[in-house]
Amino acid sequence: MSSTIISILLLISFAVFIFYILKGGNLVIGFFVMAILWSVIGMVPFSTAIQKVFAEPALNYGPTIIYIVFGSWFGRVLVDSGIAPAISEATNKVGKKKPLIAAILVIIVTAFIFVSAYGVGSVIAIGVILLPILLSVGVPREIALTAFSLAIGAPMYVNVVLFNQIKAFFPHAVYGGKYLQFGWTATLIQLAVVIIFLILMRKKFKPQNAEENLEIIGAKFSEDGQDVKKVPYIAYIVPIIPVAMNMLFSWDAIPSLVLSVIVAMLLTGKMKSYKETVNFINSTVAQAISDISGLIIFLMALIMFSGAATLNAHHFEPIFNAILPHSHLILAIALGVLAPLALFRGPLHVWGAGAATAAVLSGTGLFNDAFLLPLLYVPTLMAVSTDITQSWNVWGLDYMKVKSKDFLKYGVPVMWLVSIVNEVLVYVFFG
C-alpha cells in the first residue's frame, strides 16, 4: 500500500475520531481503538506495535503518573488542611463591601491556588467555596462560572502536574528557565484579561439577586466564616512553594511537592501526634488517588495512541512540509487564530484529537520540542479554560445551573484573544 493511500486512510479515521468525540464518545475507548486502527492502517509490524504502541509508551509514562499523583495529593492537602478554604474566606472578608474588588480577589486567589493544585476534586472543593462568594456579591451565575474557570486555566502554564502530562508529546522540553519565564508571563496575561472581563461585566452585577442565585445552586454560604478552619497567615504561601523551589533552587517537582505537604501539615496542626499524622496522610492520599484514577486510565490510552501516531508520522511529512509555514511567527499566529479548533477535544487539543497533531508534529522534526510544547499548549489551555468537555467545567455547569451556550458565549471570545496574544508570546520566547 502506498504512503499516499495510507495517509488518506489515516486522515479519514482521524476525521471519524473527531466526529466520535463531538458526539460525546468515550475518550478512553476512542484513543485505544485509534491506537489499534493506526497500527493496522500504517502497516506497523505486529511485534513492533505490541512493543512500541502498547508497552513502551505506557511504561515510559510511569514517571509522569508519579508527578500527577503527588500533585493531586498536594491539592487535596491544601483543601483538607484548611489552607485553601482559609484563603477563600479571607478574600470574602476583604472584598465584601465592594463587589468588583471581591470578584477580582476571588479570581486572583483561584489562580494562586491552582499554581500547584490540580484535578477535578480540587476544583470542586475550591469551587463550592469561591463560587458562592461571587454570587453573594451579585455576580451573575454565567459570568461567575466563566471567570472562575478561566482563572483556573491561567496558572496551568506553570502547573507542574499538567506540564508533565503534555511533556509526554515533547519529551525534550524542560520545565524551568526560559519556559517558566514564558509560563508566568502567559499566566499573568490570561489573568489580566479575565480581570478586564470582570470590569467590563461589572454593570451586570446585581447584589439584589444574590440570595436568589445562591438558592438556585443550593449553596450554604457562611457570612461569618464560622464553618472555615482557622490557619496561620503564613500558611497562605504554601500553594506557591513547589514552583518557588523549582525557580530558586532547581528542585524537581517531587521533592518540592513533598516539602510543601510537610510544611502545610506543620503549619495547620496536622502533625501534632503520630496517629493524627498517619490518619491525615492516609485520608488525603486515598482521596487524591480516587480523584485522578479515571485520568490515569485516560492518559494510558492517550499515550498508546501517541505511540501509534509517532510511528506513522513519516506518512504525513510530505503533507506537513507542503502546508506548514516554516516561519515560527506565521505558525504561532496561525495557531492563535485557529485556537478554537481545540474546543470539543478538536485537532488542537492535545488531550483530544490534537494528540495526533502533537505526535505527528513532534515526529516530523520540523520544529524543536521547546517551541512545539508552548505552541500547542496555548490552544489546549483555551479548551481547558472554557471547553464544555473539560471535566471540571462540566461540573461547574451543573453546579451553577448555567447553560452551555452562555458559558461558551462569554468564555470563547475572551480565551480566543488570550490565545492570539500568548501565541505571539511563544514566538517572542522560542521563535
Protein backbone atom coordinates (compact mmCIF):
# COMPACT_ATOMS: atom_id res chain seq x y z
CA MET A 1 0.00 0.00 0.00
CA SER A 2 1.45 3.39 -1.00
CA SER A 3 2.25 6.06 1.56
CA THR A 4 -0.32 8.37 -0.05
CA ILE A 5 -3.15 5.87 0.38
CA ILE A 6 -2.06 5.19 3.97
CA SER A 7 -2.05 8.95 4.70
CA ILE A 8 -5.57 9.34 3.28
CA LEU A 9 -6.90 6.41 5.32
CA LEU A 10 -5.24 7.75 8.47
CA LEU A 11 -6.82 11.18 7.89
CA ILE A 12 -10.25 9.61 7.27
CA SER A 13 -10.02 7.64 10.51
CA PHE A 14 -8.87 10.83 12.25
CA ALA A 15 -11.94 12.70 10.93
CA VAL A 16 -14.21 9.89 12.15
CA PHE A 17 -12.50 10.08 15.54
CA ILE A 18 -13.19 13.83 15.78
CA PHE A 19 -16.85 13.20 14.90
CA TYR A 20 -16.97 10.49 17.58
CA ILE A 21 -15.59 12.93 20.16
CA LEU A 22 -18.00 15.70 19.20
CA LYS A 23 -20.87 13.25 19.66
CA GLY A 24 -19.72 12.62 23.21
CA GLY A 25 -17.92 9.31 22.70
CA ASN A 26 -15.81 7.82 25.49
CA LEU A 27 -12.27 9.12 25.09
CA VAL A 28 -10.54 6.10 26.64
CA ILE A 29 -12.24 3.71 24.23
CA GLY A 30 -11.71 6.16 21.35
CA PHE A 31 -7.98 6.51 21.87
CA PHE A 32 -7.47 2.78 22.42
CA VAL A 33 -9.36 1.91 19.21
CA MET A 34 -7.44 4.60 17.31
CA ALA A 35 -4.13 3.15 18.53
CA ILE A 36 -5.15 -0.20 17.06
CA LEU A 37 -6.52 1.33 13.83
CA TRP A 38 -3.44 3.45 13.15
CA SER A 39 -1.19 0.46 13.80
CA VAL A 40 -3.18 -1.63 11.29
CA ILE A 41 -3.62 1.11 8.66
CA GLY A 42 0.01 2.17 8.96
CA MET A 43 1.06 -1.46 8.45
CA VAL A 44 3.10 -1.43 11.65
CA PRO A 45 4.57 -4.93 12.21
CA PHE A 46 2.70 -6.82 14.95
CA SER A 47 5.72 -7.21 17.23
CA THR A 48 6.61 -3.53 16.80
CA ALA A 49 3.05 -2.45 17.61
CA ILE A 50 2.98 -4.57 20.76
CA GLN A 51 6.26 -3.08 21.97
CA LYS A 52 6.23 0.49 20.64
CA VAL A 53 2.49 1.28 20.83
CA PHE A 54 1.14 -0.64 23.81
CA ALA A 55 4.09 -1.49 26.06
CA GLU A 56 6.88 1.09 25.98
CA PRO A 57 4.71 4.26 25.89
CA ALA A 58 2.72 3.14 28.93
CA LEU A 59 5.81 2.01 30.85
CA ASN A 60 7.78 5.13 29.97
CA TYR A 61 4.86 7.28 31.17
CA GLY A 62 5.32 5.97 34.71
CA PRO A 63 7.35 8.97 35.96
CA THR A 64 4.66 11.35 34.71
CA ILE A 65 1.98 9.40 36.56
CA ILE A 66 4.05 9.81 39.73
CA TYR A 67 4.11 13.59 39.20
CA ILE A 68 0.34 13.59 38.75
CA VAL A 69 -0.17 11.51 41.90
CA PHE A 70 1.96 13.80 44.05
CA GLY A 71 0.36 16.91 42.51
CA SER A 72 -3.12 15.60 43.22
CA TRP A 73 -2.08 14.73 46.78
CA PHE A 74 -0.78 18.24 47.36
CA GLY A 75 -4.04 19.69 46.01
CA ARG A 76 -6.03 17.53 48.40
CA VAL A 77 -3.77 18.55 51.32
CA LEU A 78 -4.39 22.23 50.52
CA VAL A 79 -8.13 21.63 50.81
CA ASP A 80 -8.28 19.22 53.75
CA SER A 81 -5.72 21.11 55.85
CA GLY A 82 -7.92 24.20 55.66
CA ILE A 83 -5.41 26.36 53.77
CA ALA A 84 -7.44 26.77 50.57
CA PRO A 85 -10.75 27.44 52.40
CA ALA A 86 -8.99 29.94 54.71
CA ILE A 87 -7.54 31.86 51.75
CA SER A 88 -11.01 31.90 50.18
CA GLU A 89 -12.68 33.17 53.38
CA ALA A 90 -10.06 35.91 53.78
CA THR A 91 -10.83 37.00 50.23
CA ASN A 92 -14.53 37.21 51.03
CA LYS A 93 -13.95 39.38 54.11
CA VAL A 94 -11.66 41.82 52.32
CA GLY A 95 -13.98 42.46 49.39
CA LYS A 96 -17.41 42.01 50.97
CA LYS A 97 -18.46 45.65 50.65
CA LYS A 98 -17.07 46.18 47.14
CA PRO A 99 -18.45 43.62 44.66
CA LEU A 100 -15.96 44.24 41.85
CA ILE A 101 -12.96 44.14 44.18
CA ALA A 102 -14.35 40.99 45.81
CA ALA A 103 -14.78 39.32 42.40
CA ILE A 104 -11.26 40.26 41.30
CA LEU A 105 -9.81 38.97 44.59
CA VAL A 106 -11.64 35.65 44.13
CA ILE A 107 -10.15 35.31 40.65
CA ILE A 108 -6.63 36.09 41.88
CA VAL A 109 -6.98 33.63 44.77
CA THR A 110 -8.29 30.93 42.41
CA ALA A 111 -5.28 31.36 40.13
CA PHE A 112 -2.94 31.41 43.13
CA ILE A 113 -4.28 28.10 44.47
CA PHE A 114 -4.10 26.33 41.11
CA VAL A 115 -0.47 27.22 40.52
CA SER A 116 0.11 23.89 42.27
CA ALA A 117 -3.29 22.31 42.94
CA TYR A 118 -4.76 20.17 40.17
CA GLY A 119 -7.67 17.89 39.37
CA VAL A 120 -11.44 17.93 39.31
CA GLY A 121 -11.55 17.01 43.00
CA SER A 122 -9.58 20.11 43.95
CA VAL A 123 -11.68 22.28 41.63
CA ILE A 124 -14.90 21.04 43.22
CA ALA A 125 -13.55 21.51 46.74
CA ILE A 126 -12.47 25.08 45.96
CA GLY A 127 -15.43 25.86 43.73
CA VAL A 128 -18.07 25.18 46.36
CA ILE A 129 -16.31 27.80 48.49
CA LEU A 130 -15.42 30.52 45.97
CA LEU A 131 -18.35 30.39 43.55
CA PRO A 132 -20.91 31.21 46.28
CA ILE A 133 -18.71 34.19 47.24
CA LEU A 134 -19.01 35.51 43.68
CA LEU A 135 -22.78 35.01 43.74
CA SER A 136 -23.08 36.64 47.17
CA VAL A 137 -21.72 39.93 45.81
CA GLY A 138 -24.14 39.91 42.87
CA VAL A 139 -22.09 38.37 40.03
CA PRO A 140 -24.47 36.55 37.62
CA ARG A 141 -24.04 32.77 37.59
CA GLU A 142 -22.79 32.51 33.99
CA ILE A 143 -20.24 35.31 34.45
CA ALA A 144 -19.09 33.90 37.80
CA LEU A 145 -18.53 30.43 36.34
CA THR A 146 -16.75 31.79 33.26
CA ALA A 147 -14.37 33.93 35.31
CA PHE A 148 -13.71 31.10 37.77
CA SER A 149 -12.93 28.57 35.02
CA LEU A 150 -10.68 30.99 33.15
CA ALA A 151 -8.85 31.75 36.41
CA ILE A 152 -8.19 28.03 36.90
CA GLY A 153 -6.80 27.81 33.37
CA ALA A 154 -4.45 30.78 33.75
CA PRO A 155 -1.84 29.20 36.09
CA MET A 156 -1.89 25.88 34.21
CA TYR A 157 1.02 27.24 32.16
CA VAL A 158 3.19 26.78 35.27
CA ASN A 159 1.31 23.94 36.96
CA VAL A 160 3.91 21.18 37.11
CA VAL A 161 1.31 18.38 37.06
CA LEU A 162 -0.29 19.47 33.79
CA PHE A 163 3.08 20.39 32.25
CA ASN A 164 4.33 16.85 32.80
CA GLN A 165 1.24 15.49 31.05
CA ILE A 166 1.84 17.47 27.86
CA LYS A 167 5.57 16.78 28.07
CA ALA A 168 4.75 13.20 27.05
CA PHE A 169 4.42 14.52 23.49
CA PHE A 170 7.53 16.71 23.69
CA PRO A 171 10.00 14.83 25.92
CA HIS A 172 12.89 17.21 25.27
CA ALA A 173 11.02 20.25 26.61
CA VAL A 174 12.23 21.45 30.01
CA TYR A 175 10.20 22.81 32.93
CA GLY A 176 12.41 25.66 34.04
CA GLY A 177 14.50 28.55 32.76
CA LYS A 178 13.03 30.17 29.66
CA TYR A 179 9.86 28.08 29.77
CA LEU A 180 8.95 29.32 33.25
CA GLN A 181 9.59 32.90 32.16
CA PHE A 182 7.14 32.32 29.32
CA GLY A 183 4.72 30.43 31.57
CA TRP A 184 4.48 33.14 34.20
CA THR A 185 4.09 35.84 31.56
CA ALA A 186 1.33 33.89 29.79
CA THR A 187 -0.37 33.25 33.13
CA LEU A 188 -0.37 36.95 34.01
CA ILE A 189 -1.71 37.86 30.56
CA GLN A 190 -4.64 35.47 30.87
CA LEU A 191 -5.31 36.58 34.44
CA ALA A 192 -5.21 40.25 33.40
CA VAL A 193 -7.69 39.63 30.57
CA VAL A 194 -10.04 37.82 32.98
CA ILE A 195 -9.90 40.81 35.33
CA ILE A 196 -10.65 43.15 32.41
CA PHE A 197 -13.57 40.86 31.53
CA LEU A 198 -14.97 41.30 35.04
CA ILE A 199 -14.52 45.07 34.88
CA LEU A 200 -16.41 45.20 31.57
CA MET A 201 -19.16 43.00 33.01
CA ARG A 202 -19.48 44.94 36.27
CA LYS A 203 -22.74 46.63 35.25
CA LYS A 204 -24.35 43.19 35.18
CA PHE A 205 -23.52 42.65 38.86
CA LYS A 206 -26.79 42.75 40.85
CA PRO A 207 -26.39 42.25 44.61
CA GLN A 208 -30.19 42.14 44.94
CA ASN A 209 -30.16 38.84 43.03
CA ALA A 210 -27.53 37.24 45.27
CA GLU A 211 -29.92 35.37 47.53
CA GLU A 212 -31.92 34.04 44.58
CA ASN A 213 -28.79 32.79 42.79
CA LEU A 214 -27.49 31.12 45.95
CA GLU A 215 -30.83 29.35 46.37
CA ILE A 216 -30.75 28.18 42.74
CA ILE A 217 -27.44 26.37 43.26
CA GLY A 218 -28.41 25.23 46.76
CA ALA A 219 -25.37 26.86 48.35
CA LYS A 220 -24.98 27.25 52.06
CA PHE A 221 -22.91 30.38 52.36
CA SER A 222 -21.37 31.28 55.71
CA GLU A 223 -21.38 35.03 56.18
CA ASP A 224 -19.29 34.94 59.33
CA GLY A 225 -16.84 32.24 58.27
CA GLN A 226 -17.70 30.01 61.26
CA ASP A 227 -17.50 26.88 59.09
CA VAL A 228 -13.96 27.66 57.95
CA LYS A 229 -11.00 26.29 59.91
CA LYS A 230 -8.56 28.98 61.02
CA VAL A 231 -4.96 28.59 59.86
CA PRO A 232 -1.89 30.79 60.41
CA TYR A 233 -1.49 33.53 57.80
CA ILE A 234 1.98 32.22 56.98
CA ALA A 235 0.26 29.10 55.62
CA TYR A 236 -1.16 31.20 52.78
CA ILE A 237 2.20 30.98 50.96
CA VAL A 238 2.12 27.16 50.78
CA PRO A 239 0.48 26.97 47.29
CA ILE A 240 3.49 28.63 45.65
CA ILE A 241 6.21 26.63 47.46
CA PRO A 242 6.55 23.93 44.74
CA VAL A 243 7.07 26.45 41.95
CA ALA A 244 9.33 28.63 44.12
CA MET A 245 11.60 25.67 44.94
CA ASN A 246 11.98 24.94 41.24
CA MET A 247 12.65 28.54 40.26
CA LEU A 248 15.03 29.35 43.13
CA PHE A 249 16.85 26.04 43.68
CA SER A 250 16.02 23.97 40.55
CA TRP A 251 14.32 21.30 42.65
CA ASP A 252 12.39 18.56 40.89
CA ALA A 253 8.61 18.58 41.37
CA ILE A 254 8.50 15.50 43.64
CA PRO A 255 10.69 16.80 46.49
CA SER A 256 9.09 20.25 46.07
CA LEU A 257 5.60 18.80 46.49
CA VAL A 258 6.63 16.59 49.41
CA LEU A 259 8.22 19.57 51.18
CA SER A 260 5.05 21.59 50.55
CA VAL A 261 2.88 18.84 52.03
CA ILE A 262 5.07 18.66 55.15
CA VAL A 263 5.02 22.46 55.58
CA ALA A 264 1.24 22.52 55.11
CA MET A 265 0.77 19.82 57.74
CA LEU A 266 3.13 21.50 60.21
CA LEU A 267 1.53 24.93 59.84
CA THR A 268 -2.05 23.65 60.16
CA GLY A 269 -1.50 21.35 63.14
CA LYS A 270 -1.88 18.07 61.27
CA MET A 271 1.31 16.67 62.80
CA LYS A 272 0.50 17.10 66.49
CA SER A 273 0.62 13.38 67.09
CA TYR A 274 1.78 10.27 65.25
CA LYS A 275 -1.78 8.93 64.93
CA GLU A 276 -3.18 12.21 63.59
CA THR A 277 -0.31 12.48 61.08
CA VAL A 278 -0.88 8.95 59.78
CA ASN A 279 -4.66 9.39 59.57
CA PHE A 280 -4.33 12.66 57.67
CA ILE A 281 -1.78 11.24 55.22
CA ASN A 282 -3.88 8.13 54.63
CA SER A 283 -7.10 10.03 54.06
CA THR A 284 -5.60 12.64 51.72
CA VAL A 285 -3.63 10.08 49.71
CA ALA A 286 -6.70 7.86 49.30
CA GLN A 287 -8.85 10.76 48.13
CA ALA A 288 -6.11 12.11 45.86
CA ILE A 289 -5.74 8.74 44.10
CA SER A 290 -9.51 8.50 43.74
CA ASP A 291 -9.59 11.99 42.21
CA ILE A 292 -7.20 11.01 39.39
CA SER A 293 -7.98 7.31 38.84
CA GLY A 294 -10.01 7.99 35.71
CA LEU A 295 -7.41 10.46 34.45
CA ILE A 296 -4.63 7.87 34.69
CA ILE A 297 -6.52 5.33 32.56
CA PHE A 298 -7.36 8.07 30.07
CA LEU A 299 -3.68 9.05 29.83
CA MET A 300 -2.65 5.43 29.30
CA ALA A 301 -4.97 5.17 26.30
CA LEU A 302 -3.81 8.57 25.06
CA ILE A 303 -0.12 7.70 25.23
CA MET A 304 -0.74 4.44 23.32
CA PHE A 305 -2.38 6.42 20.54
CA SER A 306 0.53 8.85 20.65
CA GLY A 307 2.87 5.90 20.11
CA ALA A 308 0.91 4.80 17.04
CA ALA A 309 0.83 8.37 15.70
CA THR A 310 4.59 8.70 16.12
CA LEU A 311 5.20 5.52 14.13
CA ASN A 312 3.00 6.92 11.35
CA ALA A 313 4.49 10.42 11.39
CA HIS A 314 6.61 9.80 8.29
CA HIS A 315 3.45 9.30 6.21
CA PHE A 316 2.45 12.89 6.96
CA GLU A 317 5.82 14.55 6.38
CA PRO A 318 5.14 15.47 2.72
CA ILE A 319 1.77 16.97 3.69
CA PHE A 320 3.18 18.96 6.60
CA ASN A 321 6.13 20.11 4.51
CA ALA A 322 3.68 21.40 1.91
CA ILE A 323 1.12 23.12 4.14
CA LEU A 324 3.02 24.10 7.29
CA PRO A 325 4.65 27.53 7.28
CA HIS A 326 8.33 27.18 8.13
CA SER A 327 8.26 30.60 9.77
CA HIS A 328 7.88 30.31 13.53
CA LEU A 329 6.00 33.63 13.66
CA ILE A 330 3.43 32.72 10.99
CA LEU A 331 2.84 29.30 12.57
CA ALA A 332 2.37 30.84 16.02
CA ILE A 333 -0.10 33.45 14.76
CA ALA A 334 -1.95 30.81 12.72
CA LEU A 335 -2.44 28.60 15.77
CA GLY A 336 -3.63 31.60 17.76
CA VAL A 337 -6.25 32.40 15.14
CA LEU A 338 -7.23 28.72 14.86
CA ALA A 339 -7.21 28.16 18.64
CA PRO A 340 -11.00 27.47 18.81
CA LEU A 341 -10.25 24.21 16.95
CA ALA A 342 -9.13 22.94 20.35
CA LEU A 343 -12.73 23.08 21.59
CA PHE A 344 -14.73 19.85 21.85
CA ARG A 345 -11.47 17.87 22.00
CA GLY A 346 -10.67 19.03 18.46
CA PRO A 347 -7.45 18.82 16.43
CA LEU A 348 -5.60 21.43 18.50
CA HIS A 349 -6.43 19.90 21.90
CA VAL A 350 -3.56 17.56 22.83
CA TRP A 351 -5.82 15.60 25.18
CA GLY A 352 -8.28 15.07 22.37
CA ALA A 353 -7.98 14.72 18.63
CA GLY A 354 -4.97 17.02 18.83
CA ALA A 355 -2.95 14.13 20.28
CA ALA A 356 -2.31 13.09 16.69
CA THR A 357 -1.40 16.66 15.71
CA ALA A 358 1.11 16.84 18.56
CA ALA A 359 2.60 13.41 17.95
CA VAL A 360 2.93 13.92 14.20
CA LEU A 361 4.39 17.44 14.52
CA SER A 362 6.91 16.19 17.06
CA GLY A 363 7.73 13.18 14.90
CA THR A 364 8.42 15.20 11.75
CA GLY A 365 11.33 17.05 13.38
CA LEU A 366 10.44 20.31 11.60
CA PHE A 367 10.41 22.24 14.90
CA ASN A 368 12.05 21.58 18.26
CA ASP A 369 10.15 20.49 21.36
CA ALA A 370 10.89 23.71 23.24
CA PHE A 371 8.84 25.58 20.61
CA LEU A 372 6.17 22.96 19.93
CA LEU A 373 5.12 22.42 23.55
CA PRO A 374 4.02 26.01 24.27
CA LEU A 375 2.76 26.35 20.68
CA LEU A 376 0.16 23.61 21.26
CA TYR A 377 -0.23 24.30 24.98
CA VAL A 378 -1.85 27.68 24.26
CA PRO A 379 -4.88 26.37 22.31
CA THR A 380 -5.11 23.38 24.63
CA LEU A 381 -5.39 25.69 27.63
CA MET A 382 -8.08 27.63 25.80
CA ALA A 383 -10.06 24.38 25.85
CA VAL A 384 -9.10 23.58 29.44
CA SER A 385 -10.38 27.04 30.42
CA THR A 386 -13.65 27.19 28.51
CA ASP A 387 -14.48 23.86 26.85
CA ILE A 388 -17.65 22.08 27.96
CA THR A 389 -15.90 18.70 27.64
CA GLN A 390 -13.39 19.60 30.38
CA SER A 391 -14.34 17.63 33.49
CA TRP A 392 -14.39 20.50 35.98
CA ASN A 393 -16.24 22.75 33.55
CA VAL A 394 -18.90 20.05 33.21
CA TRP A 395 -19.20 20.01 37.00
CA GLY A 396 -19.37 23.82 37.07
CA LEU A 397 -22.20 23.96 34.53
CA ASP A 398 -24.23 21.52 36.61
CA TYR A 399 -23.41 23.11 39.97
CA MET A 400 -24.07 26.68 38.84
CA LYS A 401 -27.11 25.77 36.70
CA VAL A 402 -25.59 27.56 33.69
CA LYS A 403 -26.43 26.72 30.06
CA SER A 404 -23.56 25.56 27.87
CA LYS A 405 -24.24 28.23 25.25
CA ASP A 406 -23.97 31.01 27.85
CA PHE A 407 -20.69 29.61 29.18
CA LEU A 408 -19.25 29.42 25.66
CA LYS A 409 -20.65 32.84 24.72
CA TYR A 410 -18.63 34.54 27.45
CA GLY A 411 -15.60 32.28 27.62
CA VAL A 412 -14.66 31.63 24.00
CA PRO A 413 -14.15 35.27 22.86
CA VAL A 414 -12.04 36.03 25.94
CA MET A 415 -9.86 32.95 25.53
CA TRP A 416 -9.55 33.46 21.78
CA LEU A 417 -7.99 36.86 22.42
CA VAL A 418 -5.73 35.41 25.12
CA SER A 419 -4.64 32.62 22.76
CA ILE A 420 -3.61 35.01 19.99
CA VAL A 421 -1.61 37.17 22.40
CA ASN A 422 0.06 34.17 24.05
CA GLU A 423 0.95 32.58 20.70
CA VAL A 424 2.80 35.77 19.80
CA LEU A 425 4.49 35.37 23.18
CA VAL A 426 5.52 31.83 22.18
CA TYR A 427 7.32 33.30 19.17
CA VAL A 428 8.97 36.00 21.29
CA PHE A 429 10.42 33.41 23.70
CA PHE A 430 11.03 30.43 21.44
CA GLY A 431 10.87 31.60 17.80
